[in-house]
Amino acid sequence: MSVDKLAYYPGCPSEATALDQDISTKAVFKALGVELVEVEDWNCCGAAEAEDPKLVYALNARNLAIAEKDGLDIVTPCSICYYNLARTNNALKADEKLRAEMAEIDPSLSYNGTVTPKHILDVLMNDIGVDELKSKIVKKVEVKVAPYYGCYIGRPLGTAFDDPDDPVLMDQLIELIGGENVPFDYMKTKCCGGPLMMTRADIAFEMARKVLETAKNAGADCVALACPLCGMMLDAKQPDVEKALGIKIGMPVVYITQLLGLALGIDPKSLALGKNTVDTKVILGKVV
């Protein structure tokens, strides 16, 4: 294992809609012996709503600068936060004029480009690695899983830690814990509709339906994901999707950290499995 301490950027959903992801992430990394040091007084990354690149750079330069002062690489469980941190890091490292402009806006935005932003899936599979994870696994999670990566995890170009078009790291992790990946390849990186949820719910619901019903028709016990916006759209909004479209799906949606946590022997309550909108008992019944 090549990592034992990281700056932790939880992102805004961690305190509300993705509380289960935040709780399970902290529990898993603790069990793996990796210390997560929460970025002091962190601020929003701009999510998908901040369209002005300079605003995105300023918001994320501050978080990167705080991690840099602590001499730590920064990890986040949120795919959109990773996207914004990574593209800001790329832009600032490549453009001295932009770095100077950020520092002129506010000295707290002064950043020298020594930090590497990471997504938790990258850290788990590429830094901690399969061998170390295997040595910590004490239970098998014998579930059939649709591994759903979403559309942000492979961005931006040049920083993707997995194949942007055909990612495999979550598939490998699912197999490692004793699970089975169902046929889901063409749907893996399709958008869940989350960015349209507030403006065109009709389109968003239809996009979510396609993901969920594809997983169900493939025989999945659950959908596993690594993005809080996808979690909100596919899990929290699943009852709304069912009501709006007059259908019944009933597909459990969990974070990959929740599944890994079960394999590590962590109590389901410590993984916040009771906080998922769609009941997860079918998964708990397949942990041996």
C-alpha atoms as a PDB file:
ATOM      1  CA  MET A   1       0.000   0.000   0.000  1.00  0.00           C
ATOM      2  CA  SER A   2       1.462   3.350  -1.058  1.00  0.00           C
ATOM      3  CA  VAL A   3      -0.874   5.679   0.804  1.00  0.00           C
ATOM      4  CA  ASP A   4      -1.600   6.125   4.506  1.00  0.00           C
ATOM      5  CA  LYS A   5      -2.843   9.716   4.811  1.00  0.00           C
ATOM      6  CA  LEU A   6      -4.914  11.910   2.487  1.00  0.00           C
ATOM      7  CA  ALA A   7      -6.703  15.241   2.577  1.00  0.00           C
ATOM      8  CA  TYR A   8     -10.412  14.445   2.442  1.00  0.00           C
ATOM      9  CA  TYR A   9     -12.794  16.634   0.467  1.00  0.00           C
ATOM     10  CA  PRO A  10     -16.294  15.287   1.226  1.00  0.00           C
ATOM     11  CA  GLY A  11     -18.270  17.652  -1.029  1.00  0.00           C
ATOM     12  CA  CYS A  12     -21.607  19.292  -0.289  1.00  0.00           C
ATOM     13  CA  PRO A  13     -23.841  16.191  -0.709  1.00  0.00           C
ATOM     14  CA  SER A  14     -21.939  14.457   2.107  1.00  0.00           C
ATOM     15  CA  GLU A  15     -23.862  16.407   4.721  1.00  0.00           C
ATOM     16  CA  ALA A  16     -27.305  15.732   3.255  1.00  0.00           C
ATOM     17  CA  THR A  17     -28.303  13.585   0.271  1.00  0.00           C
ATOM     18  CA  ALA A  18     -25.099  11.497   0.255  1.00  0.00           C
ATOM     19  CA  LEU A  19     -24.631  11.070   3.980  1.00  0.00           C
ATOM     20  CA  ASP A  20     -24.528   7.300   3.411  1.00  0.00           C
ATOM     21  CA  GLN A  21     -21.628   7.669   0.995  1.00  0.00           C
ATOM     22  CA  ASP A  22     -19.668   9.887   3.383  1.00  0.00           C
ATOM     23  CA  ILE A  23     -20.223   7.585   6.369  1.00  0.00           C
ATOM     24  CA  SER A  24     -19.315   4.427   4.459  1.00  0.00           C
ATOM     25  CA  THR A  25     -16.251   6.049   2.883  1.00  0.00           C
ATOM     26  CA  LYS A  26     -14.868   7.045   6.277  1.00  0.00           C
ATOM     27  CA  ALA A  27     -15.606   3.599   7.721  1.00  0.00           C
ATOM     28  CA  VAL A  28     -13.906   1.783   4.834  1.00  0.00           C
ATOM     29  CA  PHE A  29     -10.770   3.923   4.833  1.00  0.00           C
ATOM     30  CA  LYS A  30     -10.463   3.587   8.598  1.00  0.00           C
ATOM     31  CA  ALA A  31     -10.675  -0.193   8.272  1.00  0.00           C
ATOM     32  CA  LEU A  32      -7.977  -0.070   5.599  1.00  0.00           C
ATOM     33  CA  GLY A  33      -5.666   1.997   7.777  1.00  0.00           C
ATOM     34  CA  VAL A  34      -5.789   5.155   5.663  1.00  0.00           C
ATOM     35  CA  GLU A  35      -6.219   8.403   7.609  1.00  0.00           C
ATOM     36  CA  LEU A  36      -8.573  10.923   6.019  1.00  0.00           C
ATOM     37  CA  VAL A  37      -7.887  14.491   7.136  1.00  0.00           C
ATOM     38  CA  GLU A  38     -10.897  16.620   6.230  1.00  0.00           C
ATOM     39  CA  VAL A  39      -9.927  19.783   4.352  1.00  0.00           C
ATOM     40  CA  GLU A  40     -10.315  22.589   6.871  1.00  0.00           C
ATOM     41  CA  ASP A  41     -13.173  24.980   6.067  1.00  0.00           C
ATOM     42  CA  TRP A  42     -13.620  23.489   2.601  1.00  0.00           C
ATOM     43  CA  ASN A  43     -15.972  25.159   0.124  1.00  0.00           C
ATOM     44  CA  CYS A  44     -18.280  23.975  -2.671  1.00  0.00           C
ATOM     45  CA  CYS A  45     -16.560  22.892  -5.897  1.00  0.00           C
ATOM     46  CA  GLY A  46     -19.218  24.561  -8.039  1.00  0.00           C
ATOM     47  CA  ALA A  47     -20.823  21.201  -8.852  1.00  0.00           C
ATOM     48  CA  ALA A  48     -22.427  21.056 -12.309  1.00  0.00           C
ATOM     49  CA  GLU A  49     -24.031  24.489 -11.915  1.00  0.00           C
ATOM     50  CA  ALA A  50     -20.963  26.760 -12.088  1.00  0.00           C
ATOM     51  CA  GLU A  51     -20.478  27.396 -15.811  1.00  0.00           C
ATOM     52  CA  ASP A  52     -17.850  30.166 -15.694  1.00  0.00           C
ATOM     53  CA  PRO A  53     -14.439  28.397 -15.772  1.00  0.00           C
ATOM     54  CA  LYS A  54     -12.816  31.190 -13.722  1.00  0.00           C
ATOM     55  CA  LEU A  55     -15.376  30.666 -10.970  1.00  0.00           C
ATOM     56  CA  VAL A  56     -14.728  26.907 -10.997  1.00  0.00           C
ATOM     57  CA  TYR A  57     -10.981  27.521 -10.849  1.00  0.00           C
ATOM     58  CA  ALA A  58     -11.310  29.951  -7.951  1.00  0.00           C
ATOM     59  CA  LEU A  59     -13.580  27.667  -5.918  1.00  0.00           C
ATOM     60  CA  ASN A  60     -11.320  24.675  -6.364  1.00  0.00           C
ATOM     61  CA  ALA A  61      -8.007  26.516  -6.111  1.00  0.00           C
ATOM     62  CA  ARG A  62      -8.846  27.283  -2.495  1.00  0.00           C
ATOM     63  CA  ASN A  63      -9.493  23.631  -1.627  1.00  0.00           C
ATOM     64  CA  LEU A  64      -6.328  22.558  -3.434  1.00  0.00           C
ATOM     65  CA  ALA A  65      -4.301  25.271  -1.698  1.00  0.00           C
ATOM     66  CA  ILE A  66      -5.468  24.130   1.743  1.00  0.00           C
ATOM     67  CA  ALA A  67      -4.470  20.532   0.970  1.00  0.00           C
ATOM     68  CA  GLU A  68      -1.148  21.763  -0.410  1.00  0.00           C
ATOM     69  CA  LYS A  69      -0.335  23.545   2.849  1.00  0.00           C
ATOM     70  CA  ASP A  70      -0.793  20.223   4.620  1.00  0.00           C
ATOM     71  CA  GLY A  71       1.388  18.462   2.046  1.00  0.00           C
ATOM     72  CA  LEU A  72      -1.324  15.952   1.187  1.00  0.00           C
ATOM     73  CA  ASP A  73      -2.962  14.709  -1.986  1.00  0.00           C
ATOM     74  CA  ILE A  74      -6.718  15.304  -1.951  1.00  0.00           C
ATOM     75  CA  VAL A  75      -9.350  12.569  -2.296  1.00  0.00           C
ATOM     76  CA  THR A  76     -13.096  12.879  -2.799  1.00  0.00           C
ATOM     77  CA  PRO A  77     -15.962  10.380  -3.009  1.00  0.00           C
ATOM     78  CA  CYS A  78     -17.837  12.615  -5.467  1.00  0.00           C
ATOM     79  CA  SER A  79     -17.291  12.220  -9.218  1.00  0.00           C
ATOM     80  CA  ILE A  80     -18.291  15.818  -9.979  1.00  0.00           C
ATOM     81  CA  CYS A  81     -16.026  17.164  -7.239  1.00  0.00           C
ATOM     82  CA  TYR A  82     -13.210  15.048  -8.683  1.00  0.00           C
ATOM     83  CA  TYR A  83     -13.913  16.461 -12.133  1.00  0.00           C
ATOM     84  CA  ASN A  84     -13.758  20.051 -10.882  1.00  0.00           C
ATOM     85  CA  LEU A  85     -10.696  19.531  -8.694  1.00  0.00           C
ATOM     86  CA  ALA A  86      -8.840  17.717 -11.481  1.00  0.00           C
ATOM     87  CA  ARG A  87      -9.597  20.197 -14.258  1.00  0.00           C
ATOM     88  CA  THR A  88      -8.677  23.090 -11.974  1.00  0.00           C
ATOM     89  CA  ASN A  89      -5.429  21.372 -11.058  1.00  0.00           C
ATOM     90  CA  ASN A  90      -4.626  20.834 -14.748  1.00  0.00           C
ATOM     91  CA  ALA A  91      -5.394  24.434 -15.669  1.00  0.00           C
ATOM     92  CA  LEU A  92      -3.415  25.984 -12.821  1.00  0.00           C
ATOM     93  CA  LYS A  93      -0.374  23.762 -13.319  1.00  0.00           C
ATOM     94  CA  ALA A  94      -0.266  24.616 -17.034  1.00  0.00           C
ATOM     95  CA  ASP A  95      -0.894  28.377 -16.807  1.00  0.00           C
ATOM     96  CA  GLU A  96       1.316  30.617 -14.683  1.00  0.00           C
ATOM     97  CA  LYS A  97      -0.777  33.649 -15.624  1.00  0.00           C
ATOM     98  CA  LEU A  98      -3.922  31.929 -14.363  1.00  0.00           C
ATOM     99  CA  ARG A  99      -2.197  31.053 -11.075  1.00  0.00           C
ATOM    100  CA  ALA A 100      -1.212  34.707 -10.645  1.00  0.00           C
ATOM    101  CA  GLU A 101      -4.755  35.807 -11.438  1.00  0.00           C
ATOM    102  CA  MET A 102      -6.157  33.501  -8.770  1.00  0.00           C
ATOM    103  CA  ALA A 103      -3.709  34.839  -6.189  1.00  0.00           C
ATOM    104  CA  GLU A 104      -4.704  38.409  -7.065  1.00  0.00           C
ATOM    105  CA  ILE A 105      -8.360  37.599  -6.439  1.00  0.00           C
ATOM    106  CA  ASP A 106      -7.533  36.303  -2.972  1.00  0.00           C
ATOM    107  CA  PRO A 107      -4.210  35.192  -1.442  1.00  0.00           C
ATOM    108  CA  SER A 108      -5.953  32.035  -0.187  1.00  0.00           C
ATOM    109  CA  LEU A 109      -6.207  30.923  -3.839  1.00  0.00           C
ATOM    110  CA  SER A 110      -2.424  30.836  -4.256  1.00  0.00           C
ATOM    111  CA  TYR A 111      -1.555  27.318  -5.413  1.00  0.00           C
ATOM    112  CA  ASN A 112       1.731  25.833  -6.646  1.00  0.00           C
ATOM    113  CA  GLY A 113       0.368  22.683  -8.262  1.00  0.00           C
ATOM    114  CA  THR A 114       1.906  20.076  -5.954  1.00  0.00           C
ATOM    115  CA  VAL A 115      -1.327  18.255  -5.096  1.00  0.00           C
ATOM    116  CA  THR A 116      -2.867  15.331  -7.000  1.00  0.00           C
ATOM    117  CA  PRO A 117      -6.685  15.136  -6.829  1.00  0.00           C
ATOM    118  CA  LYS A 118      -7.994  11.578  -6.586  1.00  0.00           C
ATOM    119  CA  HIS A 119     -11.336   9.800  -6.580  1.00  0.00           C
ATOM    120  CA  ILE A 120     -11.845   7.175  -3.878  1.00  0.00           C
ATOM    121  CA  LEU A 121     -12.180   4.420  -6.508  1.00  0.00           C
ATOM    122  CA  ASP A 122      -8.747   5.375  -7.843  1.00  0.00           C
ATOM    123  CA  VAL A 123      -7.224   5.213  -4.355  1.00  0.00           C
ATOM    124  CA  LEU A 124      -8.875   1.898  -3.520  1.00  0.00           C
ATOM    125  CA  MET A 125      -7.880   0.082  -6.700  1.00  0.00           C
ATOM    126  CA  ASN A 126      -4.691   1.808  -7.863  1.00  0.00           C
ATOM    127  CA  ASP A 127      -3.052   3.078  -4.663  1.00  0.00           C
ATOM    128  CA  ILE A 128      -4.134   0.604  -1.995  1.00  0.00           C
ATOM    129  CA  GLY A 129      -4.435  -2.101  -4.612  1.00  0.00           C
ATOM    130  CA  VAL A 130      -6.057  -5.475  -5.081  1.00  0.00           C
ATOM    131  CA  ASP A 131      -3.572  -7.466  -2.990  1.00  0.00           C
ATOM    132  CA  GLU A 132      -3.967  -5.240   0.073  1.00  0.00           C
ATOM    133  CA  LEU A 133      -7.745  -5.180  -0.258  1.00  0.00           C
ATOM    134  CA  LYS A 134      -7.848  -8.970  -0.616  1.00  0.00           C
ATOM    135  CA  SER A 135      -5.859  -9.354   2.597  1.00  0.00           C
ATOM    136  CA  LYS A 136      -8.468  -7.311   4.505  1.00  0.00           C
ATOM    137  CA  ILE A 137     -11.610  -9.008   3.174  1.00  0.00           C
ATOM    138  CA  VAL A 138     -13.279 -11.297   5.702  1.00  0.00           C
ATOM    139  CA  LYS A 139     -16.707 -11.886   4.148  1.00  0.00           C
ATOM    140  CA  LYS A 140     -18.167 -12.602   0.732  1.00  0.00           C
ATOM    141  CA  VAL A 141     -20.873 -10.322  -0.620  1.00  0.00           C
ATOM    142  CA  GLU A 142     -22.536 -12.723  -3.046  1.00  0.00           C
ATOM    143  CA  VAL A 143     -24.742 -10.241  -4.876  1.00  0.00           C
ATOM    144  CA  LYS A 144     -25.419  -9.690  -8.546  1.00  0.00           C
ATOM    145  CA  VAL A 145     -24.421  -6.107  -9.256  1.00  0.00           C
ATOM    146  CA  ALA A 146     -24.897  -3.603 -12.053  1.00  0.00           C
ATOM    147  CA  PRO A 147     -21.733  -1.448 -11.810  1.00  0.00           C
ATOM    148  CA  TYR A 148     -22.789   2.084 -12.715  1.00  0.00           C
ATOM    149  CA  TYR A 149     -19.988   4.635 -13.194  1.00  0.00           C
ATOM    150  CA  GLY A 150     -22.021   7.572 -14.471  1.00  0.00           C
ATOM    151  CA  CYS A 151     -20.841  10.229 -16.893  1.00  0.00           C
ATOM    152  CA  TYR A 152     -18.443  12.292 -14.737  1.00  0.00           C
ATOM    153  CA  ILE A 153     -15.980   9.743 -13.378  1.00  0.00           C
ATOM    154  CA  GLY A 154     -14.028   9.540 -16.657  1.00  0.00           C
ATOM    155  CA  ARG A 155     -13.558  13.290 -16.928  1.00  0.00           C
ATOM    156  CA  PRO A 156     -11.597  15.414 -17.612  1.00  0.00           C
ATOM    157  CA  LEU A 157      -9.523  13.965 -20.437  1.00  0.00           C
ATOM    158  CA  GLY A 158      -5.949  13.453 -19.371  1.00  0.00           C
ATOM    159  CA  THR A 159      -6.758  12.661 -15.743  1.00  0.00           C
ATOM    160  CA  ALA A 160      -8.981   9.601 -16.105  1.00  0.00           C
ATOM    161  CA  PHE A 161      -7.757   6.785 -13.833  1.00  0.00           C
ATOM    162  CA  ASP A 162      -9.861   4.197 -15.674  1.00  0.00           C
ATOM    163  CA  ASP A 163     -10.957   3.740 -19.275  1.00  0.00           C
ATOM    164  CA  PRO A 164     -13.400   6.658 -19.818  1.00  0.00           C
ATOM    165  CA  ASP A 165     -15.530   4.684 -22.272  1.00  0.00           C
ATOM    166  CA  ASP A 166     -15.310   1.211 -20.760  1.00  0.00           C
ATOM    167  CA  PRO A 167     -14.305   1.519 -17.085  1.00  0.00           C
ATOM    168  CA  VAL A 168     -13.521  -1.697 -15.234  1.00  0.00           C
ATOM    169  CA  LEU A 169     -12.239  -0.838 -11.746  1.00  0.00           C
ATOM    170  CA  MET A 170     -15.611  -1.111 -10.038  1.00  0.00           C
ATOM    171  CA  ASP A 171     -16.270  -4.387 -11.860  1.00  0.00           C
ATOM    172  CA  GLN A 172     -12.973  -5.721 -10.506  1.00  0.00           C
ATOM    173  CA  LEU A 173     -13.772  -4.581  -6.978  1.00  0.00           C
ATOM    174  CA  ILE A 174     -17.192  -6.254  -7.117  1.00  0.00           C
ATOM    175  CA  GLU A 175     -15.585  -9.531  -8.169  1.00  0.00           C
ATOM    176  CA  LEU A 176     -12.980  -9.154  -5.426  1.00  0.00           C
ATOM    177  CA  ILE A 177     -15.635  -9.032  -2.699  1.00  0.00           C
ATOM    178  CA  GLY A 178     -17.426 -12.105  -4.060  1.00  0.00           C
ATOM    179  CA  GLY A 179     -20.037 -10.402  -6.219  1.00  0.00           C
ATOM    180  CA  GLU A 180     -21.083 -11.011  -9.808  1.00  0.00           C
ATOM    181  CA  ASN A 181     -21.274  -8.290 -12.436  1.00  0.00           C
ATOM    182  CA  VAL A 182     -24.402  -8.511 -14.579  1.00  0.00           C
ATOM    183  CA  PRO A 183     -24.347  -7.509 -18.285  1.00  0.00           C
ATOM    184  CA  PHE A 184     -24.459  -3.725 -18.077  1.00  0.00           C
ATOM    185  CA  ASP A 185     -21.629  -2.546 -20.329  1.00  0.00           C
ATOM    186  CA  TYR A 186     -23.431  -0.173 -22.683  1.00  0.00           C
ATOM    187  CA  MET A 187     -25.188   1.557 -19.790  1.00  0.00           C
ATOM    188  CA  LYS A 188     -22.152   1.971 -17.497  1.00  0.00           C
ATOM    189  CA  THR A 189     -21.313   5.547 -18.416  1.00  0.00           C
ATOM    190  CA  LYS A 190     -24.697   6.843 -19.565  1.00  0.00           C
ATOM    191  CA  CYS A 191     -25.986   9.928 -17.723  1.00  0.00           C
ATOM    192  CA  CYS A 192     -28.521   9.201 -14.972  1.00  0.00           C
ATOM    193  CA  GLY A 193     -30.385  12.453 -15.626  1.00  0.00           C
ATOM    194  CA  GLY A 194     -29.234  14.094 -12.403  1.00  0.00           C
ATOM    195  CA  PRO A 195     -28.087  17.394 -13.968  1.00  0.00           C
ATOM    196  CA  LEU A 196     -31.588  17.828 -15.453  1.00  0.00           C
ATOM    197  CA  MET A 197     -33.481  16.996 -12.283  1.00  0.00           C
ATOM    198  CA  MET A 198     -34.416  20.588 -11.393  1.00  0.00           C
ATOM    199  CA  THR A 199     -35.097  21.862 -14.910  1.00  0.00           C
ATOM    200  CA  ARG A 200     -36.491  18.940 -16.935  1.00  0.00           C
ATOM    201  CA  ALA A 201     -37.650  16.287 -14.487  1.00  0.00           C
ATOM    202  CA  ASP A 202     -39.537  14.508 -17.260  1.00  0.00           C
ATOM    203  CA  ILE A 203     -36.326  13.869 -19.195  1.00  0.00           C
ATOM    204  CA  ALA A 204     -34.358  13.090 -16.026  1.00  0.00           C
ATOM    205  CA  PHE A 205     -36.897  10.505 -14.887  1.00  0.00           C
ATOM    206  CA  GLU A 206     -36.822   8.756 -18.255  1.00  0.00           C
ATOM    207  CA  MET A 207     -33.004   8.632 -18.212  1.00  0.00           C
ATOM    208  CA  ALA A 208     -33.031   7.200 -14.695  1.00  0.00           C
ATOM    209  CA  ARG A 209     -35.657   4.632 -15.697  1.00  0.00           C
ATOM    210  CA  LYS A 210     -33.409   3.323 -18.454  1.00  0.00           C
ATOM    211  CA  VAL A 211     -30.521   2.783 -16.045  1.00  0.00           C
ATOM    212  CA  LEU A 212     -32.638   1.135 -13.362  1.00  0.00           C
ATOM    213  CA  GLU A 213     -34.701  -1.081 -15.645  1.00  0.00           C
ATOM    214  CA  THR A 214     -31.622  -2.182 -17.583  1.00  0.00           C
ATOM    215  CA  ALA A 215     -30.099  -3.304 -14.292  1.00  0.00           C
ATOM    216  CA  LYS A 216     -33.307  -5.049 -13.242  1.00  0.00           C
ATOM    217  CA  ASN A 217     -33.724  -6.834 -16.575  1.00  0.00           C
ATOM    218  CA  ALA A 218     -30.109  -8.017 -16.364  1.00  0.00           C
ATOM    219  CA  GLY A 219     -30.914  -9.760 -13.079  1.00  0.00           C
ATOM    220  CA  ALA A 220     -29.104  -7.407 -10.724  1.00  0.00           C
ATOM    221  CA  ASP A 221     -29.757  -7.471  -6.979  1.00  0.00           C
ATOM    222  CA  CYS A 222     -28.559  -3.866  -6.825  1.00  0.00           C
ATOM    223  CA  VAL A 223     -26.880  -1.012  -8.654  1.00  0.00           C
ATOM    224  CA  ALA A 224     -23.477   0.037  -7.299  1.00  0.00           C
ATOM    225  CA  LEU A 225     -22.206   3.547  -7.888  1.00  0.00           C
ATOM    226  CA  ALA A 226     -19.590   6.092  -6.852  1.00  0.00           C
ATOM    227  CA  CYS A 227     -21.290   9.443  -7.425  1.00  0.00           C
ATOM    228  CA  PRO A 228     -23.661  11.250  -5.034  1.00  0.00           C
ATOM    229  CA  LEU A 229     -25.638  12.910  -7.828  1.00  0.00           C
ATOM    230  CA  CYS A 230     -26.262   9.478  -9.337  1.00  0.00           C
ATOM    231  CA  GLY A 231     -27.194   8.278  -5.857  1.00  0.00           C
ATOM    232  CA  MET A 232     -29.762  11.013  -5.462  1.00  0.00           C
ATOM    233  CA  MET A 233     -31.239  10.411  -8.911  1.00  0.00           C
ATOM    234  CA  LEU A 234     -31.332   6.613  -8.861  1.00  0.00           C
ATOM    235  CA  ASP A 235     -32.056   5.953  -5.180  1.00  0.00           C
ATOM    236  CA  ALA A 236     -33.632   8.990  -3.500  1.00  0.00           C
ATOM    237  CA  LYS A 237     -35.672   9.900  -6.575  1.00  0.00           C
ATOM    238  CA  GLN A 238     -36.590   6.333  -7.514  1.00  0.00           C
ATOM    239  CA  PRO A 239     -40.045   6.579  -5.869  1.00  0.00           C
ATOM    240  CA  ASP A 240     -40.675   9.801  -7.825  1.00  0.00           C
ATOM    241  CA  VAL A 241     -39.582   8.097 -11.056  1.00  0.00           C
ATOM    242  CA  GLU A 242     -41.983   5.221 -10.354  1.00  0.00           C
ATOM    243  CA  LYS A 243     -44.862   7.586  -9.575  1.00  0.00           C
ATOM    244  CA  ALA A 244     -44.293   9.858 -12.567  1.00  0.00           C
ATOM    245  CA  LEU A 245     -43.989   6.992 -15.057  1.00  0.00           C
ATOM    246  CA  GLY A 246     -46.556   4.681 -13.468  1.00  0.00           C
ATOM    247  CA  ILE A 247     -44.116   1.810 -12.981  1.00  0.00           C
ATOM    248  CA  LYS A 248     -42.591  -0.232 -10.169  1.00  0.00           C
ATOM    249  CA  ILE A 249     -38.825  -0.761 -10.151  1.00  0.00           C
ATOM    250  CA  GLY A 250     -37.761  -1.486  -6.558  1.00  0.00           C
ATOM    251  CA  MET A 251     -34.046  -1.614  -7.358  1.00  0.00           C
ATOM    252  CA  PRO A 252     -31.665  -1.168  -4.388  1.00  0.00           C
ATOM    253  CA  VAL A 253     -28.933   1.384  -5.139  1.00  0.00           C
ATOM    254  CA  VAL A 254     -25.790   1.410  -3.003  1.00  0.00           C
ATOM    255  CA  TYR A 255     -22.388   3.040  -2.976  1.00  0.00           C
ATOM    256  CA  ILE A 256     -19.439   0.807  -3.786  1.00  0.00           C
ATOM    257  CA  THR A 257     -18.011   1.712  -0.372  1.00  0.00           C
ATOM    258  CA  GLN A 258     -21.064   0.175   1.281  1.00  0.00           C
ATOM    259  CA  LEU A 259     -20.503  -3.130  -0.533  1.00  0.00           C
ATOM    260  CA  LEU A 260     -16.771  -3.108   0.167  1.00  0.00           C
ATOM    261  CA  GLY A 261     -17.471  -2.281   3.802  1.00  0.00           C
ATOM    262  CA  LEU A 262     -19.632  -5.390   4.158  1.00  0.00           C
ATOM    263  CA  ALA A 263     -16.788  -7.491   2.758  1.00  0.00           C
ATOM    264  CA  LEU A 264     -14.426  -5.900   5.280  1.00  0.00           C
ATOM    265  CA  GLY A 265     -16.741  -7.031   8.067  1.00  0.00           C
ATOM    266  CA  ILE A 266     -18.026  -3.579   8.986  1.00  0.00           C
ATOM    267  CA  ASP A 267     -21.435  -3.480  10.652  1.00  0.00           C
ATOM    268  CA  PRO A 268     -24.198  -2.419   8.195  1.00  0.00           C
ATOM    269  CA  LYS A 269     -25.249   0.428  10.527  1.00  0.00           C
ATOM    270  CA  SER A 270     -21.698   1.819  10.400  1.00  0.00           C
ATOM    271  CA  LEU A 271     -22.027   1.828   6.605  1.00  0.00           C
ATOM    272  CA  ALA A 272     -25.341   3.744   6.754  1.00  0.00           C
ATOM    273  CA  LEU A 273     -27.143   1.003   4.850  1.00  0.00           C
ATOM    274  CA  GLY A 274     -30.310   1.945   6.699  1.00  0.00           C
ATOM    275  CA  LYS A 275     -30.247   5.387   5.065  1.00  0.00           C
ATOM    276  CA  ASN A 276     -30.730   4.191   1.481  1.00  0.00           C
ATOM    277  CA  THR A 277     -34.198   5.009   0.137  1.00  0.00           C
ATOM    278  CA  VAL A 278     -34.818   1.613  -1.473  1.00  0.00           C
ATOM    279  CA  ASP A 279     -34.536  -1.219   1.075  1.00  0.00           C
ATOM    280  CA  THR A 280     -31.162  -3.006   1.067  1.00  0.00           C
ATOM    281  CA  LYS A 281     -32.150  -6.155   3.030  1.00  0.00           C
ATOM    282  CA  VAL A 282     -31.750  -8.331  -0.062  1.00  0.00           C
ATOM    283  CA  ILE A 283     -28.049  -7.415  -0.068  1.00  0.00           C
ATOM    284  CA  LEU A 284     -27.525  -8.054   3.643  1.00  0.00           C
ATOM    285  CA  GLY A 285     -29.030 -11.495   3.209  1.00  0.00           C
ATOM    286  CA  LYS A 286     -26.274 -12.425   0.760  1.00  0.00           C
ATOM    287  CA  VAL A 287     -23.278 -11.597   2.959  1.00  0.00           C
ATOM    288  CA  VAL A 288     -21.593 -14.824   4.081  1.00  0.00           C
END
